[in-house]
C-alpha atoms as a PDB file:
ATOM      1  CA  UNK A   1    -203.905-145.121-148.782  1.00  0.00           C
ATOM      2  CA  UNK A   2    -205.913-142.737-146.696  1.00  0.00           C
ATOM      3  CA  UNK A   3    -209.608-142.059-146.892  1.00  0.00           C
ATOM      4  CA  UNK A   4    -211.084-138.780-148.094  1.00  0.00           C
ATOM      5  CA  UNK A   5    -214.563-137.273-147.795  1.00  0.00           C
ATOM      6  CA  UNK A   6    -215.322-134.109-149.739  1.00  0.00           C
ATOM      7  CA  UNK A   7    -217.868-131.510-148.607  1.00  0.00           C
ATOM      8  CA  UNK A   8    -219.426-128.392-150.083  1.00  0.00           C
ATOM      9  CA  UNK A   9    -217.812-125.516-148.169  1.00  0.00           C
ATOM     10  CA  UNK A  10    -221.035-123.496-148.057  1.00  0.00           C
ATOM     11  CA  UNK A  11    -223.621-126.143-147.190  1.00  0.00           C
ATOM     12  CA  UNK A  12    -221.499-128.994-145.784  1.00  0.00           C
ATOM     13  CA  UNK A  13    -223.331-131.392-148.120  1.00  0.00           C
ATOM     14  CA  UNK A  14    -221.334-134.421-149.202  1.00  0.00           C
ATOM     15  CA  UNK A  15    -219.737-134.530-152.641  1.00  0.00           C
ATOM     16  CA  UNK A  16    -218.788-137.540-154.756  1.00  0.00           C
ATOM     17  CA  UNK A  17    -215.303-138.480-155.894  1.00  0.00           C
ATOM     18  CA  UNK A  18    -215.134-140.761-158.919  1.00  0.00           C
ATOM     19  CA  UNK A  19    -218.865-141.408-158.321  1.00  0.00           C
ATOM     20  CA  UNK A  20    -218.169-142.636-154.764  1.00  0.00           C
ATOM     21  CA  UNK A  21    -218.909-141.033-151.412  1.00  0.00           C
ATOM     22  CA  UNK A  22    -215.584-142.163-149.972  1.00  0.00           C
ATOM     23  CA  UNK A  23    -212.285-141.776-151.828  1.00  0.00           C
ATOM     24  CA  UNK A  24    -209.314-144.001-151.073  1.00  0.00           C
ATOM     25  CA  UNK A  25    -206.018-142.468-152.165  1.00  0.00           C
ATOM     26  CA  UNK A  26    -203.912-145.194-153.761  1.00  0.00           C
ATOM     27  CA  UNK A  27    -200.683-145.182-155.788  1.00  0.00           C
ATOM     28  CA  UNK A  28    -202.468-146.447-158.919  1.00  0.00           C
ATOM     29  CA  UNK A  29    -205.178-143.738-158.785  1.00  0.00           C
ATOM     30  CA  UNK A  30    -204.036-140.595-160.594  1.00  0.00           C
ATOM     31  CA  UNK A  31    -207.359-138.827-161.070  1.00  0.00           C
ATOM     32  CA  UNK A  32    -210.143-137.732-158.750  1.00  0.00           C
ATOM     33  CA  UNK A  33    -213.289-136.208-160.273  1.00  0.00           C
ATOM     34  CA  UNK A  34    -215.234-134.332-157.586  1.00  0.00           C
ATOM     35  CA  UNK A  35    -218.910-133.886-158.459  1.00  0.00           C
ATOM     36  CA  UNK A  36    -222.244-133.034-156.895  1.00  0.00           C
ATOM     37  CA  UNK A  37    -224.482-136.010-156.231  1.00  0.00           C
ATOM     38  CA  UNK A  38    -227.955-136.041-157.746  1.00  0.00           C
ATOM     39  CA  UNK A  39    -230.186-134.863-154.912  1.00  0.00           C
ATOM     40  CA  UNK A  40    -233.846-135.778-154.659  1.00  0.00           C
ATOM     41  CA  UNK A  41    -236.264-132.892-155.067  1.00  0.00           C
ATOM     42  CA  UNK A  42    -236.969-133.032-151.327  1.00  0.00           C
ATOM     43  CA  UNK A  43    -233.243-132.914-150.433  1.00  0.00           C
ATOM     44  CA  UNK A  44    -232.703-129.975-152.776  1.00  0.00           C
ATOM     45  CA  UNK A  45    -235.702-128.114-151.319  1.00  0.00           C
ATOM     46  CA  UNK A  46    -234.343-128.647-147.796  1.00  0.00           C
ATOM     47  CA  UNK A  47    -230.984-127.226-148.933  1.00  0.00           C
ATOM     48  CA  UNK A  48    -232.644-124.134-150.401  1.00  0.00           C
ATOM     49  CA  UNK A  49    -234.803-123.514-147.324  1.00  0.00           C
ATOM     50  CA  UNK A  50    -231.713-123.912-145.087  1.00  0.00           C
ATOM     51  CA  UNK A  51    -229.916-121.312-147.196  1.00  0.00           C
ATOM     52  CA  UNK A  52    -232.793-118.811-146.999  1.00  0.00           C
ATOM     53  CA  UNK A  53    -234.171-119.280-143.466  1.00  0.00           C
ATOM     54  CA  UNK A  54    -232.312-118.984-140.163  1.00  0.00           C
ATOM     55  CA  UNK A  55    -232.402-122.209-138.094  1.00  0.00           C
ATOM     56  CA  UNK A  56    -234.197-120.399-135.271  1.00  0.00           C
ATOM     57  CA  UNK A  57    -237.009-119.558-137.720  1.00  0.00           C
ATOM     58  CA  UNK A  58    -237.589-123.052-139.182  1.00  0.00           C
ATOM     59  CA  UNK A  59    -240.500-123.748-136.832  1.00  0.00           C
ATOM     60  CA  UNK A  60    -242.194-120.507-137.851  1.00  0.00           C
ATOM     61  CA  UNK A  61    -242.667-121.907-141.365  1.00  0.00           C
ATOM     62  CA  UNK A  62    -246.105-123.211-142.273  1.00  0.00           C
ATOM     63  CA  UNK A  63    -244.969-126.724-143.220  1.00  0.00           C
ATOM     64  CA  UNK A  64    -245.666-130.258-142.032  1.00  0.00           C
ATOM     65  CA  UNK A  65    -244.051-131.024-138.647  1.00  0.00           C
ATOM     66  CA  UNK A  66    -241.720-133.778-139.909  1.00  0.00           C
ATOM     67  CA  UNK A  67    -239.992-131.243-142.166  1.00  0.00           C
ATOM     68  CA  UNK A  68    -238.952-129.167-139.148  1.00  0.00           C
ATOM     69  CA  UNK A  69    -236.881-132.092-137.924  1.00  0.00           C
ATOM     70  CA  UNK A  70    -235.421-132.724-141.346  1.00  0.00           C
ATOM     71  CA  UNK A  71    -234.457-129.061-141.694  1.00  0.00           C
ATOM     72  CA  UNK A  72    -232.812-129.172-138.271  1.00  0.00           C
ATOM     73  CA  UNK A  73    -230.872-132.306-139.258  1.00  0.00           C
ATOM     74  CA  UNK A  74    -228.089-130.417-141.040  1.00  0.00           C
ATOM     75  CA  UNK A  75    -225.421-132.280-143.018  1.00  0.00           C
ATOM     76  CA  UNK A  76    -222.748-133.419-140.564  1.00  0.00           C
ATOM     77  CA  UNK A  77    -219.456-135.089-141.425  1.00  0.00           C
ATOM     78  CA  UNK A  78    -219.388-136.969-138.097  1.00  0.00           C
ATOM     79  CA  UNK A  79    -222.764-138.572-138.829  1.00  0.00           C
ATOM     80  CA  UNK A  80    -221.571-139.489-142.322  1.00  0.00           C
ATOM     81  CA  UNK A  81    -218.380-141.047-140.946  1.00  0.00           C
ATOM     82  CA  UNK A  82    -220.388-143.117-138.449  1.00  0.00           C
ATOM     83  CA  UNK A  83    -222.781-144.247-141.189  1.00  0.00           C
ATOM     84  CA  UNK A  84    -219.937-145.158-143.555  1.00  0.00           C
ATOM     85  CA  UNK A  85    -218.173-147.055-140.779  1.00  0.00           C
ATOM     86  CA  UNK A  86    -221.333-149.045-140.024  1.00  0.00           C
ATOM     87  CA  UNK A  87    -221.891-149.739-143.721  1.00  0.00           C
ATOM     88  CA  UNK A  88    -218.338-151.001-144.227  1.00  0.00           C
ATOM     89  CA  UNK A  89    -218.543-153.160-141.074  1.00  0.00           C
ATOM     90  CA  UNK A  90    -221.798-154.628-142.340  1.00  0.00           C
ATOM     91  CA  UNK A  91    -220.288-155.268-145.768  1.00  0.00           C
ATOM     92  CA  UNK A  92    -217.318-157.037-144.175  1.00  0.00           C
ATOM     93  CA  UNK A  93    -219.602-159.106-141.936  1.00  0.00           C
ATOM     94  CA  UNK A  94    -221.781-160.105-144.877  1.00  0.00           C
ATOM     95  CA  UNK A  95    -218.708-161.043-146.903  1.00  0.00           C
ATOM     96  CA  UNK A  96    -217.427-163.249-144.092  1.00  0.00           C
ATOM     97  CA  UNK A  97    -220.810-164.928-143.602  1.00  0.00           C
ATOM     98  CA  UNK A  98    -221.281-165.763-147.290  1.00  0.00           C
END
């Protein structure tokens, strides 16, 4: 079957399907529960700040420097696809080596 990633339309944050980040459509799967993941407090705070502050104004905030970079690192489906691809390659490699 094909692979599916689900995103929040407003924030582009990843969603879970059947408690997984990646959903594989298969003939024997007849249900897909799409849910929000449990975000850390820091992740949730970054989401809220992104929703309230324009990206060009992030560096005007009186916060620690490392948070500027994290705010600027918006959720991106391409980055998630690359990460998932690397993770699955690593899993396959580890399975072959064991």
